[in-house]
Structure formats: structure tokens, C-alpha cells
Amino acid sequence: MTDATARVDAWLWAVRVYKTRSAATAACRAGHVRVGGERAKAAQPVRVGDELRVRIAGFDRLLVVRKPIAKRVGAALAAEAAEDRTPPREALPVIAARDRGAGRPTKRERRELDRLRGRDG
């Protein structure tokens, strides 16, 4: 491997997208990482200018490789290695607060809360 490339899983770990390298590898295996619109395998090399789409917690992050690093570095250097082009998320709806001491939520209120939290079941 030359200095101009890095493994996609190692790069995602080095720039702090994932907490562990194994989590980055698992995301690649699950198809949550795309390089240039194509599903990426963990060992796929990334180069300067490559565009990565990473799905984390139900949302896509759009990252551009500025510097291919394979080792975990300080936060300032990690921020220089990636350019975040993720569009801003929509504001979450405001959940009406219940009065303190109002007791347990009713079945209807509980279902509304679950729906707002994304737990449709």
C-alpha cells in the first residue's frame, strides 16, 4: 500500500467516524459504506478526493477524503483528513412535556411518544 491510499475501514476509524476498527469493518460488510456510489469492502483503498457515504444511526454522512491516514491521530489532524459535506438534519419535533406528578402516560400518549421516537411496532 502506498502513502496515497488507505483502507476504507482504517480511514473511517482514524478520522473518528467509528469508535473501533472492527465497527468500521462491520459497517462495510453490512453495506453501510459507499465509495463513489458503490458498496465498499473493508480493504478497498481510498484516495484523496474520494467521496464516502456512511450510514450511521439511520442517517447518511457524506465525507470527502482530504488525506488518506491509516493510523489513529489527534482530533485536529483527524479533522483535517476528512471534509464533512453532510447536509444539516431537520429539526426534531418538540415533544409536549407532561406535568410532573401527572402519573403514568395513557396508552394513547405512550403510543404517540413511541411514534415520535421512531419505535413503530
Foldseek 3Di string as FASTA:
>chain_A
DDQQKEFPLLLCCQLPVDVDSVVSQVQLVVQQKDWPNHRDHRRDIDGAQIWIWGADPNDTWIKGAHGHDRDRDDNVVSPNGIDTPGDDDDDQDDDDDDDPPPDDDDPVSVQVVCVSVVNDD
